[in-house]
């Protein structure tokens, strides 16, 4: 290649981010709990119907059982699911650019178009790419960013391709 010819025009900004992280059991459980908000039909509607039935003919046994069921579903089950999904704790390498999102683990690599995700959500500890069908999300812990510049580049990429929650 001729050194006098630049590889790309100077006005094109490099908009790519590469992150590497491992999810903890608590990370996976947090993502599971957050996912409940995306699937209210599967989790909240049956509990709400059962709650109405209990209110119509209450007994302490039914109320105690309902409370224990809610605790089991919201608190305990995400940790059980996270503990069973050992492959979720493999190292994840995430590469994002204007064209695609590449997710790589030691066992597989997949390339996803930005259009597969609907929006970006954020909490104190992580970002979540919400799938267009709203049935699942992809968690990116904030600790995986090497610095403020990486996080700003990530936010800029997402702002150009996704809506915000």
Foldseek 3Di string as FASTA:
>chain_A
DDPVDDPDDPVDDFLKFKWKDFADLVRQLVQVLVLCVLPVVVPPPVLVVLVVVCVVPPDPVSVVVSVVVVCCVRPVVSSVVSVVPVQSGFMWMWMDGLAWIWIDGPVDIDTHGLLQFAAWEDDPFWIWGAGPVSNHIDTDGPVRDPDPVSVVSVVVSRVVRYHYD
